[in-house]
Amino acid sequence: MKIAVLVKQVPDTTEVRIDRETNTLIREGVPSIINPFDMYAIEEGLRIREAAGEATVTVLSMGPPQVEDALRDALALGADDAVLLSDRAFAGSDTWSTSYTLASGIRKLGDVDVILCGKQAIDGDTAQVGPGVAQFLGLPQVTYVRKLEIGDGVATAQRMMEDGYDVLRVPLPALFTVVKEINEPRLPSLKGKMKAKKAEIPVWTRDDLDVDPSELGLDGSPTRVVRIFAPEPRGGGVVFEGDVDETVDRLAKELLPVIRGDSQ
């Protein structure tokens, strides 16, 4: 079995800086980590490998050269291999172009049975890249997975919903995005850290992938961030004080016109 885990390196800080010319994140000089939700995807890949016996886990990421640090962290956790997609042609990608590029990387890996992603990245919070990759690959997908069982060519997944969960059975290969309820990520071992330090991580550029250059990077992104601004602070609320019964009556009188829809 061949398992691929998609990870993203995100800023490890609340002091996010924006390039005002391109409206993209400035990542240089900013401490970075593996996207926290992707840690659960890595752990799930390792657990599937351990249950299957004969399987490999390859971690794949797209980004600048510094993303290699995140991939080494994944190797230290126990992943077998890692691949970095890095090229100036990929810079400025929106979720569409990112999904397209990552899907091309998955195709180059070849014969992948299970693709795992975190439910979303904490910097963009779109939750679009995982499903986008599945769409470009023409694979079934299950999002927000809280439990995953892999059988003989079939996966059974529990998809978290607001009022419970769905149970879905899908044929492999397939893509799954996972939530934090699915497992508890392990810590890296000393052996894993030593392996990660020595590992050679291949870097695939645009020329290594079967891609349409017009679909890559900023030029290939159909969406643009045209303006960034801080939201206006909300006005102060109304505080009701005094006897509980009187306060409830006053609140009811204030809310009644709103409920009726006749307030101005």
C-alpha atoms as a PDB file:
ATOM      1  CA  MET A   1       0.000   0.000   0.000  1.00  0.00           C
ATOM      2  CA  LYS A   2       1.217   3.475  -0.867  1.00  0.00           C
ATOM      3  CA  ILE A   3       0.138   6.337   1.394  1.00  0.00           C
ATOM      4  CA  ALA A   4       0.711  10.016   0.601  1.00  0.00           C
ATOM      5  CA  VAL A   5       0.268  12.766   3.173  1.00  0.00           C
ATOM      6  CA  LEU A   6      -0.022  16.379   2.054  1.00  0.00           C
ATOM      7  CA  VAL A   7       1.366  18.916   4.503  1.00  0.00           C
ATOM      8  CA  LYS A   8       1.757  22.676   4.573  1.00  0.00           C
ATOM      9  CA  GLN A   9       4.266  24.807   6.413  1.00  0.00           C
ATOM     10  CA  VAL A  10       2.508  27.704   8.178  1.00  0.00           C
ATOM     11  CA  PRO A  11       3.708  30.669  10.270  1.00  0.00           C
ATOM     12  CA  ASP A  12       4.219  29.833  13.937  1.00  0.00           C
ATOM     13  CA  THR A  13       3.170  33.294  15.045  1.00  0.00           C
ATOM     14  CA  THR A  14       0.232  35.661  15.258  1.00  0.00           C
ATOM     15  CA  GLU A  15       2.399  38.413  13.777  1.00  0.00           C
ATOM     16  CA  VAL A  16       1.576  37.566  10.173  1.00  0.00           C
ATOM     17  CA  ARG A  17       3.035  40.002   7.652  1.00  0.00           C
ATOM     18  CA  ILE A  18       1.579  40.662   4.211  1.00  0.00           C
ATOM     19  CA  ASP A  19       3.351  41.722   1.021  1.00  0.00           C
ATOM     20  CA  ARG A  20       1.232  44.719   0.024  1.00  0.00           C
ATOM     21  CA  GLU A  21       2.180  44.406  -3.640  1.00  0.00           C
ATOM     22  CA  THR A  22       1.126  40.778  -4.082  1.00  0.00           C
ATOM     23  CA  ASN A  23      -1.224  40.457  -1.069  1.00  0.00           C
ATOM     24  CA  THR A  24       0.493  37.186  -0.148  1.00  0.00           C
ATOM     25  CA  LEU A  25       2.090  36.056   3.113  1.00  0.00           C
ATOM     26  CA  ILE A  26       5.685  37.051   3.804  1.00  0.00           C
ATOM     27  CA  ARG A  27       7.277  33.808   5.001  1.00  0.00           C
ATOM     28  CA  GLU A  28      10.943  34.790   5.026  1.00  0.00           C
ATOM     29  CA  GLY A  29      12.267  35.336   8.537  1.00  0.00           C
ATOM     30  CA  VAL A  30       9.065  34.057  10.171  1.00  0.00           C
ATOM     31  CA  PRO A  31       9.224  30.927  12.420  1.00  0.00           C
ATOM     32  CA  SER A  32       7.268  28.118  10.785  1.00  0.00           C
ATOM     33  CA  ILE A  33       5.713  24.787  11.746  1.00  0.00           C
ATOM     34  CA  ILE A  34       3.794  21.966  10.126  1.00  0.00           C
ATOM     35  CA  ASN A  35       0.151  22.956   9.930  1.00  0.00           C
ATOM     36  CA  PRO A  36      -1.283  21.472  13.170  1.00  0.00           C
ATOM     37  CA  PHE A  37      -4.135  19.632  11.424  1.00  0.00           C
ATOM     38  CA  ASP A  38      -1.607  17.985   9.104  1.00  0.00           C
ATOM     39  CA  MET A  39       0.063  16.401  12.130  1.00  0.00           C
ATOM     40  CA  TYR A  40      -3.052  14.267  12.560  1.00  0.00           C
ATOM     41  CA  ALA A  41      -2.882  13.286   8.885  1.00  0.00           C
ATOM     42  CA  ILE A  42       0.755  12.189   9.311  1.00  0.00           C
ATOM     43  CA  GLU A  43      -0.138  10.162  12.403  1.00  0.00           C
ATOM     44  CA  GLU A  44      -3.045   8.484  10.618  1.00  0.00           C
ATOM     45  CA  GLY A  45      -0.796   7.564   7.721  1.00  0.00           C
ATOM     46  CA  LEU A  46       1.684   5.979  10.118  1.00  0.00           C
ATOM     47  CA  ARG A  47      -1.089   4.025  11.853  1.00  0.00           C
ATOM     48  CA  ILE A  48      -2.444   2.747   8.548  1.00  0.00           C
ATOM     49  CA  ARG A  49       1.074   1.626   7.593  1.00  0.00           C
ATOM     50  CA  GLU A  50       1.521  -0.177  10.904  1.00  0.00           C
ATOM     51  CA  ALA A  51      -1.817  -1.968  10.517  1.00  0.00           C
ATOM     52  CA  ALA A  52      -1.187  -2.896   6.880  1.00  0.00           C
ATOM     53  CA  GLY A  53       2.269  -4.325   7.481  1.00  0.00           C
ATOM     54  CA  GLU A  54       3.659  -3.645   4.019  1.00  0.00           C
ATOM     55  CA  ALA A  55       3.093   0.026   3.237  1.00  0.00           C
ATOM     56  CA  THR A  56       4.999   3.262   2.778  1.00  0.00           C
ATOM     57  CA  VAL A  57       4.206   6.818   3.846  1.00  0.00           C
ATOM     58  CA  THR A  58       5.416   9.657   1.624  1.00  0.00           C
ATOM     59  CA  VAL A  59       4.956  13.240   2.742  1.00  0.00           C
ATOM     60  CA  LEU A  60       4.507  15.832   0.020  1.00  0.00           C
ATOM     61  CA  SER A  61       4.521  19.618   0.286  1.00  0.00           C
ATOM     62  CA  MET A  62       4.671  22.637  -2.003  1.00  0.00           C
ATOM     63  CA  GLY A  63       6.511  25.815  -1.114  1.00  0.00           C
ATOM     64  CA  PRO A  64       9.867  27.618  -0.915  1.00  0.00           C
ATOM     65  CA  PRO A  65      13.102  25.782   0.016  1.00  0.00           C
ATOM     66  CA  GLN A  66      12.554  26.403   3.754  1.00  0.00           C
ATOM     67  CA  VAL A  67       9.635  23.931   3.664  1.00  0.00           C
ATOM     68  CA  GLU A  68      12.299  21.231   3.742  1.00  0.00           C
ATOM     69  CA  ASP A  69      12.446  21.801   7.518  1.00  0.00           C
ATOM     70  CA  ALA A  70       8.797  20.772   7.844  1.00  0.00           C
ATOM     71  CA  LEU A  71       9.383  17.690   5.730  1.00  0.00           C
ATOM     72  CA  ARG A  72      12.312  16.658   7.933  1.00  0.00           C
ATOM     73  CA  ASP A  73      10.023  17.000  10.952  1.00  0.00           C
ATOM     74  CA  ALA A  74       7.610  14.609   9.234  1.00  0.00           C
ATOM     75  CA  LEU A  75      10.423  12.154   8.538  1.00  0.00           C
ATOM     76  CA  ALA A  76      11.440  12.344  12.194  1.00  0.00           C
ATOM     77  CA  LEU A  77       7.927  11.251  13.128  1.00  0.00           C
ATOM     78  CA  GLY A  78       8.326   8.110  11.032  1.00  0.00           C
ATOM     79  CA  ALA A  79       7.428   8.894   7.420  1.00  0.00           C
ATOM     80  CA  ASP A  80       9.409   6.835   4.903  1.00  0.00           C
ATOM     81  CA  ASP A  81      10.012   9.500   2.268  1.00  0.00           C
ATOM     82  CA  ALA A  82       9.385  13.170   1.575  1.00  0.00           C
ATOM     83  CA  VAL A  83       9.152  15.248  -1.589  1.00  0.00           C
ATOM     84  CA  LEU A  84       9.203  19.028  -1.960  1.00  0.00           C
ATOM     85  CA  LEU A  85       7.544  20.787  -4.891  1.00  0.00           C
ATOM     86  CA  SER A  86       9.427  24.050  -5.196  1.00  0.00           C
ATOM     87  CA  ASP A  87       9.764  26.468  -8.082  1.00  0.00           C
ATOM     88  CA  ARG A  88       9.356  30.210  -8.482  1.00  0.00           C
ATOM     89  CA  ALA A  89       6.648  29.326 -10.999  1.00  0.00           C
ATOM     90  CA  PHE A  90       4.514  28.057  -8.079  1.00  0.00           C
ATOM     91  CA  ALA A  91       4.733  31.330  -6.103  1.00  0.00           C
ATOM     92  CA  GLY A  92       1.487  33.135  -5.352  1.00  0.00           C
ATOM     93  CA  SER A  93      -0.725  30.099  -5.994  1.00  0.00           C
ATOM     94  CA  ASP A  94      -4.304  30.263  -4.746  1.00  0.00           C
ATOM     95  CA  THR A  95      -6.109  27.114  -3.612  1.00  0.00           C
ATOM     96  CA  TRP A  96      -6.967  26.146  -7.217  1.00  0.00           C
ATOM     97  CA  SER A  97      -3.404  26.381  -8.491  1.00  0.00           C
ATOM     98  CA  THR A  98      -2.031  24.778  -5.312  1.00  0.00           C
ATOM     99  CA  SER A  99      -4.417  21.839  -5.692  1.00  0.00           C
ATOM    100  CA  TYR A 100      -3.450  21.469  -9.345  1.00  0.00           C
ATOM    101  CA  THR A 101       0.275  21.427  -8.561  1.00  0.00           C
ATOM    102  CA  LEU A 102      -0.047  18.994  -5.639  1.00  0.00           C
ATOM    103  CA  ALA A 103      -2.229  16.686  -7.748  1.00  0.00           C
ATOM    104  CA  SER A 104       0.521  16.688 -10.381  1.00  0.00           C
ATOM    105  CA  GLY A 105       2.998  15.691  -7.672  1.00  0.00           C
ATOM    106  CA  ILE A 106       0.747  12.820  -6.592  1.00  0.00           C
ATOM    107  CA  ARG A 107       0.550  11.614 -10.190  1.00  0.00           C
ATOM    108  CA  LYS A 108       4.347  11.590 -10.398  1.00  0.00           C
ATOM    109  CA  LEU A 109       4.514   9.493  -7.214  1.00  0.00           C
ATOM    110  CA  GLY A 110       2.269   6.979  -8.955  1.00  0.00           C
ATOM    111  CA  ASP A 111      -0.043   4.229  -7.678  1.00  0.00           C
ATOM    112  CA  VAL A 112      -1.019   6.021  -4.460  1.00  0.00           C
ATOM    113  CA  ASP A 113      -3.784   4.184  -2.578  1.00  0.00           C
ATOM    114  CA  VAL A 114      -4.559   6.625   0.244  1.00  0.00           C
ATOM    115  CA  ILE A 115      -4.080  10.409   0.302  1.00  0.00           C
ATOM    116  CA  LEU A 116      -4.380  12.147   3.669  1.00  0.00           C
ATOM    117  CA  CYS A 117      -4.623  15.861   4.494  1.00  0.00           C
ATOM    118  CA  GLY A 118      -5.488  17.949   7.513  1.00  0.00           C
ATOM    119  CA  LYS A 119      -9.001  19.357   7.349  1.00  0.00           C
ATOM    120  CA  GLN A 120      -7.634  22.866   6.671  1.00  0.00           C
ATOM    121  CA  ALA A 121      -4.606  25.104   7.099  1.00  0.00           C
ATOM    122  CA  ILE A 122      -4.565  27.545   9.986  1.00  0.00           C
ATOM    123  CA  ASP A 123      -3.273  30.424   7.859  1.00  0.00           C
ATOM    124  CA  GLY A 124      -5.914  30.346   5.113  1.00  0.00           C
ATOM    125  CA  ASP A 125      -8.697  28.284   6.768  1.00  0.00           C
ATOM    126  CA  THR A 126     -10.285  27.552   3.374  1.00  0.00           C
ATOM    127  CA  ALA A 127     -10.403  23.719   3.607  1.00  0.00           C
ATOM    128  CA  GLN A 128     -10.302  23.724  -0.216  1.00  0.00           C
ATOM    129  CA  VAL A 129      -6.952  22.189  -1.151  1.00  0.00           C
ATOM    130  CA  GLY A 130      -7.685  18.594  -0.113  1.00  0.00           C
ATOM    131  CA  PRO A 131     -10.964  18.397  -2.032  1.00  0.00           C
ATOM    132  CA  GLY A 132      -9.322  20.265  -4.919  1.00  0.00           C
ATOM    133  CA  VAL A 133      -6.571  17.667  -5.191  1.00  0.00           C
ATOM    134  CA  ALA A 134      -9.153  14.879  -5.234  1.00  0.00           C
ATOM    135  CA  GLN A 135     -11.070  16.670  -7.973  1.00  0.00           C
ATOM    136  CA  PHE A 136      -7.998  17.104 -10.184  1.00  0.00           C
ATOM    137  CA  LEU A 137      -7.102  13.439  -9.686  1.00  0.00           C
ATOM    138  CA  GLY A 138     -10.675  12.261 -10.281  1.00  0.00           C
ATOM    139  CA  LEU A 139     -10.730  10.402  -6.956  1.00  0.00           C
ATOM    140  CA  PRO A 140     -13.465   9.930  -4.340  1.00  0.00           C
ATOM    141  CA  GLN A 141     -12.999  12.048  -1.226  1.00  0.00           C
ATOM    142  CA  VAL A 142     -14.276  12.145   2.333  1.00  0.00           C
ATOM    143  CA  THR A 143     -13.745  15.294   4.392  1.00  0.00           C
ATOM    144  CA  TYR A 144     -13.678  15.879   8.173  1.00  0.00           C
ATOM    145  CA  VAL A 145     -12.870  12.237   8.912  1.00  0.00           C
ATOM    146  CA  ARG A 146     -12.801  11.296  12.609  1.00  0.00           C
ATOM    147  CA  LYS A 147     -12.212   7.561  12.115  1.00  0.00           C
ATOM    148  CA  LEU A 148     -10.750   5.647   9.189  1.00  0.00           C
ATOM    149  CA  GLU A 149     -10.504   1.931   8.509  1.00  0.00           C
ATOM    150  CA  ILE A 150      -8.750   0.561   5.443  1.00  0.00           C
ATOM    151  CA  GLY A 151      -9.794  -2.843   4.126  1.00  0.00           C
ATOM    152  CA  ASP A 152      -9.199  -4.788   0.940  1.00  0.00           C
ATOM    153  CA  GLY A 153      -9.426  -1.999  -1.617  1.00  0.00           C
ATOM    154  CA  VAL A 154     -12.130  -0.208   0.381  1.00  0.00           C
ATOM    155  CA  ALA A 155     -12.078   2.445   3.103  1.00  0.00           C
ATOM    156  CA  THR A 156     -14.742   2.994   5.756  1.00  0.00           C
ATOM    157  CA  ALA A 157     -14.752   6.511   7.130  1.00  0.00           C
ATOM    158  CA  GLN A 158     -16.707   8.361   9.779  1.00  0.00           C
ATOM    159  CA  ARG A 159     -17.305  11.918   8.623  1.00  0.00           C
ATOM    160  CA  MET A 160     -17.935  14.375  11.431  1.00  0.00           C
ATOM    161  CA  MET A 161     -21.177  16.340  11.166  1.00  0.00           C
ATOM    162  CA  GLU A 162     -22.730  18.995  13.398  1.00  0.00           C
ATOM    163  CA  ASP A 163     -25.221  16.522  14.887  1.00  0.00           C
ATOM    164  CA  GLY A 164     -23.210  13.298  14.775  1.00  0.00           C
ATOM    165  CA  TYR A 165     -21.337  11.526  11.995  1.00  0.00           C
ATOM    166  CA  ASP A 166     -21.890   9.806   8.659  1.00  0.00           C
ATOM    167  CA  VAL A 167     -20.415   6.394   7.834  1.00  0.00           C
ATOM    168  CA  LEU A 168     -19.145   6.203   4.257  1.00  0.00           C
ATOM    169  CA  ARG A 169     -17.553   3.379   2.305  1.00  0.00           C
ATOM    170  CA  VAL A 170     -15.422   4.395  -0.665  1.00  0.00           C
ATOM    171  CA  PRO A 171     -13.209   2.445  -3.066  1.00  0.00           C
ATOM    172  CA  LEU A 172      -9.474   3.074  -3.083  1.00  0.00           C
ATOM    173  CA  PRO A 173      -7.616   5.076  -4.189  1.00  0.00           C
ATOM    174  CA  ALA A 174      -9.277   7.944  -2.337  1.00  0.00           C
ATOM    175  CA  LEU A 175      -8.471  11.157  -0.478  1.00  0.00           C
ATOM    176  CA  PHE A 176      -9.382  11.915   3.133  1.00  0.00           C
ATOM    177  CA  THR A 177      -9.134  15.111   5.160  1.00  0.00           C
ATOM    178  CA  VAL A 178      -8.956  14.462   8.891  1.00  0.00           C
ATOM    179  CA  VAL A 179      -9.952  16.263  12.085  1.00  0.00           C
ATOM    180  CA  LYS A 180      -8.090  16.260  15.390  1.00  0.00           C
ATOM    181  CA  GLU A 181     -10.512  13.750  16.924  1.00  0.00           C
ATOM    182  CA  ILE A 182      -9.070  10.990  14.739  1.00  0.00           C
ATOM    183  CA  ASN A 183      -5.926  10.309  16.818  1.00  0.00           C
ATOM    184  CA  GLU A 184      -3.182  11.684  19.041  1.00  0.00           C
ATOM    185  CA  PRO A 185       0.009  12.551  17.110  1.00  0.00           C
ATOM    186  CA  ARG A 186       3.173  10.889  18.366  1.00  0.00           C
ATOM    187  CA  LEU A 187       6.445  12.596  19.243  1.00  0.00           C
ATOM    188  CA  PRO A 188       9.564  12.107  17.131  1.00  0.00           C
ATOM    189  CA  SER A 189      12.052   9.494  18.309  1.00  0.00           C
ATOM    190  CA  LEU A 190      15.810  10.001  18.526  1.00  0.00           C
ATOM    191  CA  LYS A 191      16.238   7.421  15.766  1.00  0.00           C
ATOM    192  CA  GLY A 192      13.708   9.282  13.664  1.00  0.00           C
ATOM    193  CA  LYS A 193      15.483  12.597  14.161  1.00  0.00           C
ATOM    194  CA  MET A 194      18.807  11.090  13.114  1.00  0.00           C
ATOM    195  CA  LYS A 195      17.222   9.573  10.015  1.00  0.00           C
ATOM    196  CA  ALA A 196      15.546  12.852   9.131  1.00  0.00           C
ATOM    197  CA  LYS A 197      18.776  14.799   9.514  1.00  0.00           C
ATOM    198  CA  LYS A 198      20.583  12.585   7.006  1.00  0.00           C
ATOM    199  CA  ALA A 199      17.714  12.098   4.559  1.00  0.00           C
ATOM    200  CA  GLU A 200      17.932  13.429   1.023  1.00  0.00           C
ATOM    201  CA  ILE A 201      14.698  15.165   0.081  1.00  0.00           C
ATOM    202  CA  PRO A 202      14.131  15.403  -3.676  1.00  0.00           C
ATOM    203  CA  VAL A 203      12.916  18.744  -4.998  1.00  0.00           C
ATOM    204  CA  TRP A 204      10.568  18.631  -7.971  1.00  0.00           C
ATOM    205  CA  THR A 205      10.267  21.748 -10.080  1.00  0.00           C
ATOM    206  CA  ARG A 206       7.859  22.678 -12.847  1.00  0.00           C
ATOM    207  CA  ASP A 207      10.051  20.807 -15.332  1.00  0.00           C
ATOM    208  CA  ASP A 208       9.710  17.581 -13.323  1.00  0.00           C
ATOM    209  CA  LEU A 209       5.918  17.594 -13.441  1.00  0.00           C
ATOM    210  CA  ASP A 210       3.438  17.064 -16.244  1.00  0.00           C
ATOM    211  CA  VAL A 211       1.739  20.452 -15.905  1.00  0.00           C
ATOM    212  CA  ASP A 212       0.305  23.268 -17.960  1.00  0.00           C
ATOM    213  CA  PRO A 213       2.440  26.331 -17.085  1.00  0.00           C
ATOM    214  CA  SER A 214      -0.595  28.602 -17.467  1.00  0.00           C
ATOM    215  CA  GLU A 215      -2.217  26.864 -14.477  1.00  0.00           C
ATOM    216  CA  LEU A 216       0.679  27.546 -12.098  1.00  0.00           C
ATOM    217  CA  GLY A 217       1.392  30.242  -9.553  1.00  0.00           C
ATOM    218  CA  LEU A 218      -0.125  33.686  -9.433  1.00  0.00           C
ATOM    219  CA  ASP A 219      -0.834  33.804 -13.168  1.00  0.00           C
ATOM    220  CA  GLY A 220      -2.650  30.482 -13.016  1.00  0.00           C
ATOM    221  CA  SER A 221      -4.774  31.456 -10.008  1.00  0.00           C
ATOM    222  CA  PRO A 222      -8.363  32.448 -10.874  1.00  0.00           C
ATOM    223  CA  THR A 223      -8.824  34.190  -7.524  1.00  0.00           C
ATOM    224  CA  ARG A 224      -6.980  37.225  -6.193  1.00  0.00           C
ATOM    225  CA  VAL A 225      -6.706  38.945  -2.835  1.00  0.00           C
ATOM    226  CA  VAL A 226      -7.467  42.499  -3.949  1.00  0.00           C
ATOM    227  CA  ARG A 227      -7.587  44.187  -0.572  1.00  0.00           C
ATOM    228  CA  ILE A 228      -6.610  43.446   3.026  1.00  0.00           C
ATOM    229  CA  PHE A 229      -8.005  45.422   5.930  1.00  0.00           C
ATOM    230  CA  ALA A 230      -8.719  45.169   9.633  1.00  0.00           C
ATOM    231  CA  PRO A 231     -12.453  44.986  10.407  1.00  0.00           C
ATOM    232  CA  GLU A 232     -14.013  48.020  12.030  1.00  0.00           C
ATOM    233  CA  PRO A 233     -14.446  47.620  15.805  1.00  0.00           C
ATOM    234  CA  ARG A 234     -17.994  46.962  16.897  1.00  0.00           C
ATOM    235  CA  GLY A 235     -19.864  49.547  18.923  1.00  0.00           C
ATOM    236  CA  GLY A 236     -20.467  49.076  22.617  1.00  0.00           C
ATOM    237  CA  GLY A 237     -23.410  46.980  23.749  1.00  0.00           C
ATOM    238  CA  VAL A 238     -26.147  47.742  26.238  1.00  0.00           C
ATOM    239  CA  VAL A 239     -25.724  46.537  29.830  1.00  0.00           C
ATOM    240  CA  PHE A 240     -28.865  45.872  31.841  1.00  0.00           C
ATOM    241  CA  GLU A 241     -28.453  46.106  35.605  1.00  0.00           C
ATOM    242  CA  GLY A 242     -30.791  45.745  38.542  1.00  0.00           C
ATOM    243  CA  ASP A 243     -33.437  43.258  39.670  1.00  0.00           C
ATOM    244  CA  VAL A 244     -33.538  40.102  37.534  1.00  0.00           C
ATOM    245  CA  ASP A 245     -37.284  40.241  36.801  1.00  0.00           C
ATOM    246  CA  GLU A 246     -37.134  43.919  35.860  1.00  0.00           C
ATOM    247  CA  THR A 247     -34.042  43.374  33.735  1.00  0.00           C
ATOM    248  CA  VAL A 248     -35.696  40.506  31.846  1.00  0.00           C
ATOM    249  CA  ASP A 249     -38.751  42.683  31.144  1.00  0.00           C
ATOM    250  CA  ARG A 250     -36.592  45.523  29.845  1.00  0.00           C
ATOM    251  CA  LEU A 251     -34.607  43.119  27.642  1.00  0.00           C
ATOM    252  CA  ALA A 252     -37.832  41.627  26.263  1.00  0.00           C
ATOM    253  CA  LYS A 253     -39.138  45.084  25.377  1.00  0.00           C
ATOM    254  CA  GLU A 254     -35.885  45.883  23.560  1.00  0.00           C
ATOM    255  CA  LEU A 255     -35.861  42.600  21.610  1.00  0.00           C
ATOM    256  CA  LEU A 256     -39.550  42.417  20.716  1.00  0.00           C
ATOM    257  CA  PRO A 257     -39.411  45.006  17.901  1.00  0.00           C
ATOM    258  CA  VAL A 258     -36.364  43.251  16.477  1.00  0.00           C
ATOM    259  CA  ILE A 259     -38.115  39.870  16.513  1.00  0.00           C
ATOM    260  CA  ARG A 260     -41.199  41.389  14.874  1.00  0.00           C
ATOM    261  CA  GLY A 261     -39.047  43.045  12.269  1.00  0.00           C
ATOM    262  CA  ASP A 262     -40.535  46.480  12.813  1.00  0.00           C
ATOM    263  CA  SER A 263     -37.432  48.121  14.318  1.00  0.00           C
ATOM    264  CA  GLN A 264     -35.669  50.829  12.328  1.00  0.00           C
END
